[in-house]
N, C-alpha and C. Protein backbone atom coordinates (compact mmCIF):
# COMPACT_ATOMS: atom_id res chain seq x y z
N MET A 1 27.40 -1.36 -5.23
CA MET A 1 26.77 -0.80 -4.06
C MET A 1 25.53 -1.61 -3.73
N ALA A 2 25.29 -1.81 -2.48
CA ALA A 2 24.14 -2.60 -2.03
C ALA A 2 22.84 -1.85 -2.30
N LYS A 3 21.81 -2.60 -2.58
CA LYS A 3 20.49 -2.03 -2.83
C LYS A 3 19.83 -1.69 -1.49
N LYS A 4 19.18 -0.52 -1.41
CA LYS A 4 18.52 -0.11 -0.17
C LYS A 4 17.28 -0.96 0.05
N TYR A 5 17.08 -1.39 1.27
CA TYR A 5 15.91 -2.18 1.64
C TYR A 5 14.81 -1.24 2.11
N TYR A 6 13.60 -1.45 1.60
CA TYR A 6 12.44 -0.65 2.01
C TYR A 6 11.45 -1.56 2.73
N SER A 7 11.12 -1.20 3.94
CA SER A 7 10.14 -1.96 4.72
C SER A 7 8.75 -1.54 4.30
N MET A 8 7.84 -2.50 4.21
CA MET A 8 6.45 -2.18 3.87
C MET A 8 5.80 -1.34 4.96
N ASN A 9 6.39 -1.31 6.15
CA ASN A 9 5.88 -0.47 7.23
C ASN A 9 6.17 1.01 6.99
N GLU A 10 7.04 1.32 6.03
CA GLU A 10 7.44 2.69 5.75
C GLU A 10 6.60 3.35 4.65
N VAL A 11 5.65 2.65 4.07
CA VAL A 11 4.84 3.23 3.00
C VAL A 11 4.04 4.39 3.60
N PRO A 12 4.14 5.59 3.01
CA PRO A 12 3.47 6.74 3.61
C PRO A 12 1.95 6.74 3.40
N VAL A 13 1.23 7.21 4.40
CA VAL A 13 -0.22 7.37 4.29
C VAL A 13 -0.49 8.31 3.12
N GLY A 14 -1.52 8.00 2.34
CA GLY A 14 -1.85 8.80 1.16
C GLY A 14 -1.35 8.19 -0.13
N THR A 15 -0.52 7.14 -0.03
CA THR A 15 0.02 6.48 -1.20
C THR A 15 -1.10 5.76 -1.96
N LYS A 16 -1.10 5.88 -3.28
CA LYS A 16 -2.07 5.21 -4.12
C LYS A 16 -1.64 3.76 -4.35
N MET A 17 -2.62 2.87 -4.40
CA MET A 17 -2.37 1.44 -4.61
C MET A 17 -3.42 0.89 -5.55
N ILE A 18 -3.10 -0.24 -6.18
CA ILE A 18 -4.05 -0.97 -7.01
C ILE A 18 -4.28 -2.32 -6.34
N VAL A 19 -5.55 -2.67 -6.10
CA VAL A 19 -5.89 -3.98 -5.55
C VAL A 19 -5.73 -4.99 -6.69
N ARG A 20 -4.89 -5.98 -6.50
CA ARG A 20 -4.57 -6.93 -7.58
C ARG A 20 -5.79 -7.70 -8.08
N SER A 21 -6.70 -8.10 -7.20
CA SER A 21 -7.84 -8.93 -7.61
C SER A 21 -8.90 -8.16 -8.39
N SER A 22 -9.08 -6.88 -8.08
CA SER A 22 -10.16 -6.12 -8.72
C SER A 22 -9.67 -5.00 -9.64
N LYS A 23 -8.38 -4.71 -9.59
CA LYS A 23 -7.77 -3.61 -10.36
C LYS A 23 -8.30 -2.24 -9.94
N GLU A 24 -8.88 -2.15 -8.74
CA GLU A 24 -9.42 -0.90 -8.22
C GLU A 24 -8.29 -0.06 -7.62
N GLU A 25 -8.32 1.24 -7.87
CA GLU A 25 -7.34 2.15 -7.27
C GLU A 25 -7.87 2.60 -5.92
N VAL A 26 -7.00 2.52 -4.91
CA VAL A 26 -7.36 2.89 -3.54
C VAL A 26 -6.25 3.76 -2.96
N GLU A 27 -6.51 4.34 -1.78
CA GLU A 27 -5.53 5.18 -1.10
C GLU A 27 -5.26 4.64 0.29
N LEU A 28 -4.00 4.57 0.66
CA LEU A 28 -3.59 4.08 1.97
C LEU A 28 -3.99 5.07 3.06
N ILE A 29 -4.70 4.56 4.10
CA ILE A 29 -5.06 5.44 5.21
C ILE A 29 -4.42 4.99 6.53
N GLU A 30 -3.92 3.73 6.57
CA GLU A 30 -3.27 3.25 7.80
C GLU A 30 -2.44 2.00 7.50
N VAL A 31 -1.29 1.88 8.16
CA VAL A 31 -0.46 0.68 8.10
C VAL A 31 -0.59 -0.02 9.44
N GLN A 32 -0.97 -1.30 9.43
CA GLN A 32 -1.05 -2.08 10.66
C GLN A 32 0.10 -3.09 10.67
N HIS A 33 0.57 -3.43 11.86
CA HIS A 33 1.78 -4.25 11.98
C HIS A 33 1.48 -5.64 12.54
N PHE A 34 2.33 -6.58 12.17
CA PHE A 34 2.37 -7.96 12.67
C PHE A 34 1.09 -8.74 12.41
N PRO A 35 0.85 -9.23 11.26
CA PRO A 35 1.61 -9.01 10.03
C PRO A 35 1.23 -7.66 9.41
N THR A 36 2.12 -7.15 8.58
CA THR A 36 1.85 -5.86 7.95
C THR A 36 0.65 -5.97 7.03
N THR A 37 -0.33 -5.12 7.28
CA THR A 37 -1.50 -5.01 6.42
C THR A 37 -1.77 -3.54 6.18
N PHE A 38 -2.46 -3.26 5.07
CA PHE A 38 -2.79 -1.90 4.71
C PHE A 38 -4.28 -1.69 4.82
N VAL A 39 -4.70 -0.65 5.53
CA VAL A 39 -6.10 -0.23 5.54
C VAL A 39 -6.19 0.84 4.47
N VAL A 40 -7.08 0.61 3.50
CA VAL A 40 -7.19 1.52 2.36
C VAL A 40 -8.63 2.00 2.21
N GLN A 41 -8.77 3.08 1.46
CA GLN A 41 -10.10 3.62 1.19
C GLN A 41 -10.24 3.80 -0.31
N SER A 42 -11.40 3.37 -0.83
CA SER A 42 -11.68 3.51 -2.26
C SER A 42 -12.21 4.91 -2.54
N LYS A 43 -12.38 5.22 -3.81
CA LYS A 43 -12.90 6.53 -4.20
C LYS A 43 -14.34 6.72 -3.73
N THR A 44 -15.05 5.63 -3.48
CA THR A 44 -16.43 5.71 -3.00
C THR A 44 -16.50 5.83 -1.49
N GLY A 45 -15.35 5.77 -0.81
CA GLY A 45 -15.30 5.90 0.64
C GLY A 45 -15.29 4.59 1.40
N LYS A 46 -15.37 3.46 0.68
CA LYS A 46 -15.37 2.14 1.32
C LYS A 46 -13.96 1.81 1.82
N LYS A 47 -13.85 1.31 3.06
CA LYS A 47 -12.57 0.93 3.65
C LYS A 47 -12.41 -0.58 3.63
N ASN A 48 -11.20 -1.04 3.34
CA ASN A 48 -10.86 -2.47 3.34
C ASN A 48 -9.45 -2.64 3.88
N LYS A 49 -9.13 -3.87 4.26
CA LYS A 49 -7.80 -4.21 4.74
C LYS A 49 -7.21 -5.26 3.81
N TYR A 50 -5.96 -5.05 3.38
CA TYR A 50 -5.28 -5.98 2.48
C TYR A 50 -3.88 -6.30 2.98
N ALA A 51 -3.46 -7.52 2.75
CA ALA A 51 -2.08 -7.92 3.01
C ALA A 51 -1.19 -7.28 1.94
N THR A 52 0.09 -7.18 2.22
CA THR A 52 1.01 -6.50 1.30
C THR A 52 1.04 -7.14 -0.08
N HIS A 53 0.86 -8.45 -0.18
CA HIS A 53 0.93 -9.12 -1.48
C HIS A 53 -0.36 -8.94 -2.30
N GLN A 54 -1.40 -8.38 -1.70
CA GLN A 54 -2.68 -8.22 -2.38
C GLN A 54 -2.80 -6.89 -3.12
N VAL A 55 -1.82 -6.01 -2.94
CA VAL A 55 -1.87 -4.70 -3.59
C VAL A 55 -0.57 -4.42 -4.34
N GLU A 56 -0.69 -3.53 -5.30
CA GLU A 56 0.45 -3.04 -6.06
C GLU A 56 0.60 -1.57 -5.68
N ILE A 57 1.75 -1.20 -5.15
CA ILE A 57 1.96 0.17 -4.67
C ILE A 57 2.43 1.05 -5.84
N ILE A 58 1.76 2.18 -6.02
CA ILE A 58 2.07 3.08 -7.13
C ILE A 58 3.08 4.13 -6.67
N GLY A 59 4.21 4.22 -7.36
CA GLY A 59 5.19 5.27 -7.12
C GLY A 59 5.96 5.18 -5.82
N TRP A 60 6.06 4.00 -5.23
CA TRP A 60 6.84 3.85 -4.01
C TRP A 60 7.64 2.57 -4.09
N PRO A 61 8.86 2.55 -3.69
CA PRO A 61 9.62 3.70 -3.22
C PRO A 61 9.95 4.65 -4.37
N ALA A 62 10.10 5.91 -4.06
CA ALA A 62 10.45 6.90 -5.08
C ALA A 62 11.82 6.56 -5.65
N GLU A 63 11.94 6.69 -6.95
CA GLU A 63 13.24 6.39 -7.57
C GLU A 63 14.22 7.47 -7.25
N GLU A 64 15.44 7.05 -6.98
CA GLU A 64 16.48 8.01 -6.60
C GLU A 64 17.23 8.50 -7.80
């Protein structure tokens, strides 16, 4: 059976992520398109924008 393809544009708001360079845990607050980037917020309230390859997504896609 073919493997399901998941678009990075489908990551739900509220998803936890780890920033690869700093190992900081952040939360997704917005997905921007062309190119796909994630606007995230840290626990201290600071907002940043990262490309998809700059973060590690925690628990997504959910295992079936």
